[in-house]
Amino acid sequence: MDDVAKNLQQNPDSKLVIVGSADPKEKRRNLAAERAVDSKFYLTEGEAKQGIDASRIEVRTGSAGTKTAEYWIVPSGATFDSTGTESVDESKVKAIPDHPKPVAKKRAAKKAQ
């Protein structure tokens, strides 16, 4: 993904389409969308600080049947053929950071003596 970010940084008029896919055997049905949204998060806000403008990235799901996300750089003036993909409603899919902050542990109460 770092190569994708570098390409977008060098070509500020290009856009990116991320197509997440899932293996049909995977139990969680939203994994394709999660993969795409997580990739967008990494490029826009993630710990790598790539700083890509989120408005340049479109998130979709596909039916490749693999546990991957594909990255399609769309040059200025070109269009992405979205046949076989569906747009992701990003308000319904939460991005999961690569390294989420650890959950604070509750301190054990001191025992009364």
C-alpha atoms as a PDB file:
ATOM      1  CA  MET A   1       0.000   0.000   0.000  1.00  0.00           C
ATOM      2  CA  ASP A   2       2.926   2.327   0.537  1.00  0.00           C
ATOM      3  CA  ASP A   3       3.632   2.179  -3.218  1.00  0.00           C
ATOM      4  CA  VAL A   4       0.012   3.124  -3.893  1.00  0.00           C
ATOM      5  CA  ALA A   5       0.313   6.080  -1.505  1.00  0.00           C
ATOM      6  CA  LYS A   6       3.542   7.201  -3.152  1.00  0.00           C
ATOM      7  CA  ASN A   7       1.892   7.061  -6.578  1.00  0.00           C
ATOM      8  CA  LEU A   8      -1.040   9.148  -5.338  1.00  0.00           C
ATOM      9  CA  GLN A   9       1.304  11.655  -3.723  1.00  0.00           C
ATOM     10  CA  GLN A  10       3.235  12.026  -6.988  1.00  0.00           C
ATOM     11  CA  ASN A  11       0.024  12.302  -9.059  1.00  0.00           C
ATOM     12  CA  PRO A  12      -2.301  14.603  -7.111  1.00  0.00           C
ATOM     13  CA  ASP A  13      -5.019  14.536  -9.802  1.00  0.00           C
ATOM     14  CA  SER A  14      -5.324  10.736  -9.760  1.00  0.00           C
ATOM     15  CA  LYS A  15      -7.965   8.936  -7.762  1.00  0.00           C
ATOM     16  CA  LEU A  16      -7.964   5.490  -6.194  1.00  0.00           C
ATOM     17  CA  VAL A  17     -10.595   2.774  -6.189  1.00  0.00           C
ATOM     18  CA  ILE A  18     -10.166   0.079  -3.543  1.00  0.00           C
ATOM     19  CA  VAL A  19     -12.082  -3.144  -4.174  1.00  0.00           C
ATOM     20  CA  GLY A  20     -12.254  -5.448  -1.155  1.00  0.00           C
ATOM     21  CA  SER A  21     -13.004  -9.135  -1.613  1.00  0.00           C
ATOM     22  CA  ALA A  22     -13.769 -12.023   0.708  1.00  0.00           C
ATOM     23  CA  ASP A  23     -13.535 -15.779   0.464  1.00  0.00           C
ATOM     24  CA  PRO A  24     -17.045 -17.284   0.419  1.00  0.00           C
ATOM     25  CA  LYS A  25     -15.965 -19.607   3.269  1.00  0.00           C
ATOM     26  CA  GLU A  26     -15.310 -16.686   5.624  1.00  0.00           C
ATOM     27  CA  LYS A  27     -17.999 -16.469   8.274  1.00  0.00           C
ATOM     28  CA  ARG A  28     -18.319 -12.674   8.623  1.00  0.00           C
ATOM     29  CA  ARG A  29     -20.217 -11.480   5.596  1.00  0.00           C
ATOM     30  CA  ASN A  30     -18.916  -7.893   5.724  1.00  0.00           C
ATOM     31  CA  LEU A  31     -15.212  -8.731   5.459  1.00  0.00           C
ATOM     32  CA  ALA A  32     -14.849  -7.492   1.878  1.00  0.00           C
ATOM     33  CA  ALA A  33     -16.132  -4.045   2.861  1.00  0.00           C
ATOM     34  CA  GLU A  34     -13.998  -4.041   6.014  1.00  0.00           C
ATOM     35  CA  ARG A  35     -10.860  -4.812   4.004  1.00  0.00           C
ATOM     36  CA  ALA A  36     -11.536  -1.913   1.644  1.00  0.00           C
ATOM     37  CA  VAL A  37     -12.411   0.554   4.423  1.00  0.00           C
ATOM     38  CA  ASP A  38      -9.369  -0.492   6.487  1.00  0.00           C
ATOM     39  CA  SER A  39      -7.152   0.114   3.452  1.00  0.00           C
ATOM     40  CA  LYS A  40      -8.645   3.579   2.961  1.00  0.00           C
ATOM     41  CA  PHE A  41      -8.113   4.340   6.651  1.00  0.00           C
ATOM     42  CA  TYR A  42      -4.454   3.319   6.383  1.00  0.00           C
ATOM     43  CA  LEU A  43      -3.924   5.655   3.440  1.00  0.00           C
ATOM     44  CA  THR A  44      -5.786   8.624   4.917  1.00  0.00           C
ATOM     45  CA  GLU A  45      -5.474   8.493   8.705  1.00  0.00           C
ATOM     46  CA  GLY A  46      -3.510   5.391   9.652  1.00  0.00           C
ATOM     47  CA  GLU A  47      -0.349   5.153  11.672  1.00  0.00           C
ATOM     48  CA  ALA A  48       1.815   5.322   8.548  1.00  0.00           C
ATOM     49  CA  LYS A  49       0.680   8.958   8.140  1.00  0.00           C
ATOM     50  CA  GLN A  50       0.346   8.720   4.338  1.00  0.00           C
ATOM     51  CA  GLY A  51      -2.000  11.717   4.400  1.00  0.00           C
ATOM     52  CA  ILE A  52      -3.964  10.961   1.247  1.00  0.00           C
ATOM     53  CA  ASP A  53      -7.153  13.054   0.941  1.00  0.00           C
ATOM     54  CA  ALA A  54     -10.086  10.711   1.614  1.00  0.00           C
ATOM     55  CA  SER A  55     -12.155  12.360  -1.135  1.00  0.00           C
ATOM     56  CA  ARG A  56      -9.746  10.871  -3.696  1.00  0.00           C
ATOM     57  CA  ILE A  57     -10.541   7.301  -2.634  1.00  0.00           C
ATOM     58  CA  GLU A  58     -13.634   5.290  -3.576  1.00  0.00           C
ATOM     59  CA  VAL A  59     -14.373   2.099  -1.643  1.00  0.00           C
ATOM     60  CA  ARG A  60     -16.123  -0.866  -3.279  1.00  0.00           C
ATOM     61  CA  THR A  61     -16.566  -4.612  -2.834  1.00  0.00           C
ATOM     62  CA  GLY A  62     -16.035  -7.253  -5.466  1.00  0.00           C
ATOM     63  CA  SER A  63     -16.555 -10.940  -5.969  1.00  0.00           C
ATOM     64  CA  ALA A  64     -13.000 -12.168  -6.580  1.00  0.00           C
ATOM     65  CA  GLY A  65     -13.473 -14.825  -3.895  1.00  0.00           C
ATOM     66  CA  THR A  66     -10.115 -14.012  -2.302  1.00  0.00           C
ATOM     67  CA  LYS A  67      -9.037 -12.538   1.036  1.00  0.00           C
ATOM     68  CA  THR A  68      -7.612  -9.405  -0.552  1.00  0.00           C
ATOM     69  CA  ALA A  69      -8.149  -5.810  -1.561  1.00  0.00           C
ATOM     70  CA  GLU A  70      -7.262  -4.572  -5.036  1.00  0.00           C
ATOM     71  CA  TYR A  71      -6.015  -1.041  -5.678  1.00  0.00           C
ATOM     72  CA  TRP A  72      -6.918   0.679  -8.950  1.00  0.00           C
ATOM     73  CA  ILE A  73      -5.269   4.031  -9.644  1.00  0.00           C
ATOM     74  CA  VAL A  74      -7.490   6.084 -11.937  1.00  0.00           C
ATOM     75  CA  PRO A  75      -5.615   8.858 -13.771  1.00  0.00           C
ATOM     76  CA  SER A  76      -7.183  12.280 -14.170  1.00  0.00           C
ATOM     77  CA  GLY A  77      -9.851  12.191 -16.899  1.00  0.00           C
ATOM     78  CA  ALA A  78     -10.228   8.396 -16.790  1.00  0.00           C
ATOM     79  CA  THR A  79     -13.070   6.374 -15.256  1.00  0.00           C
ATOM     80  CA  PHE A  80     -13.187   3.121 -13.338  1.00  0.00           C
ATOM     81  CA  ASP A  81     -15.289   0.310 -14.821  1.00  0.00           C
ATOM     82  CA  SER A  82     -17.316  -0.664 -11.770  1.00  0.00           C
ATOM     83  CA  THR A  83     -18.892  -3.726 -13.389  1.00  0.00           C
ATOM     84  CA  GLY A  84     -18.918  -6.585 -10.878  1.00  0.00           C
ATOM     85  CA  THR A  85     -18.401  -4.318  -7.873  1.00  0.00           C
ATOM     86  CA  GLU A  86     -20.666  -2.570  -5.387  1.00  0.00           C
ATOM     87  CA  SER A  87     -20.198   0.722  -3.588  1.00  0.00           C
ATOM     88  CA  VAL A  88     -19.605   0.499   0.178  1.00  0.00           C
ATOM     89  CA  ASP A  89     -21.674   2.570   2.598  1.00  0.00           C
ATOM     90  CA  GLU A  90     -18.770   3.723   4.756  1.00  0.00           C
ATOM     91  CA  SER A  91     -21.093   4.962   7.495  1.00  0.00           C
ATOM     92  CA  LYS A  92     -21.956   1.309   8.215  1.00  0.00           C
ATOM     93  CA  VAL A  93     -18.412  -0.111   8.182  1.00  0.00           C
ATOM     94  CA  LYS A  94     -15.982   0.975  10.885  1.00  0.00           C
ATOM     95  CA  ALA A  95     -12.268   1.086  10.098  1.00  0.00           C
ATOM     96  CA  ILE A  96     -10.052  -0.942  12.411  1.00  0.00           C
ATOM     97  CA  PRO A  97      -6.561   0.573  12.811  1.00  0.00           C
ATOM     98  CA  ASP A  98      -3.506  -1.652  12.288  1.00  0.00           C
ATOM     99  CA  HIS A  99      -2.520  -1.285  15.910  1.00  0.00           C
ATOM    100  CA  PRO A 100      -5.511  -0.199  17.984  1.00  0.00           C
ATOM    101  CA  LYS A 101      -4.834   1.502  21.274  1.00  0.00           C
ATOM    102  CA  PRO A 102      -4.730  -1.021  24.119  1.00  0.00           C
ATOM    103  CA  VAL A 103      -7.765  -1.208  26.321  1.00  0.00           C
ATOM    104  CA  ALA A 104      -7.075   0.294  29.729  1.00  0.00           C
ATOM    105  CA  LYS A 105      -6.947  -2.338  32.424  1.00  0.00           C
ATOM    106  CA  LYS A 106      -9.045  -1.821  35.479  1.00  0.00           C
ATOM    107  CA  ARG A 107      -7.056  -1.571  38.637  1.00  0.00           C
ATOM    108  CA  ALA A 108      -7.829  -4.152  41.227  1.00  0.00           C
ATOM    109  CA  ALA A 109      -9.446  -2.633  44.306  1.00  0.00           C
ATOM    110  CA  LYS A 110      -7.295  -2.773  47.412  1.00  0.00           C
ATOM    111  CA  LYS A 111      -8.526  -5.349  49.831  1.00  0.00           C
ATOM    112  CA  ALA A 112      -9.679  -4.044  53.197  1.00  0.00           C
ATOM    113  CA  GLN A 113      -7.591  -5.436  55.994  1.00  0.00           C
END
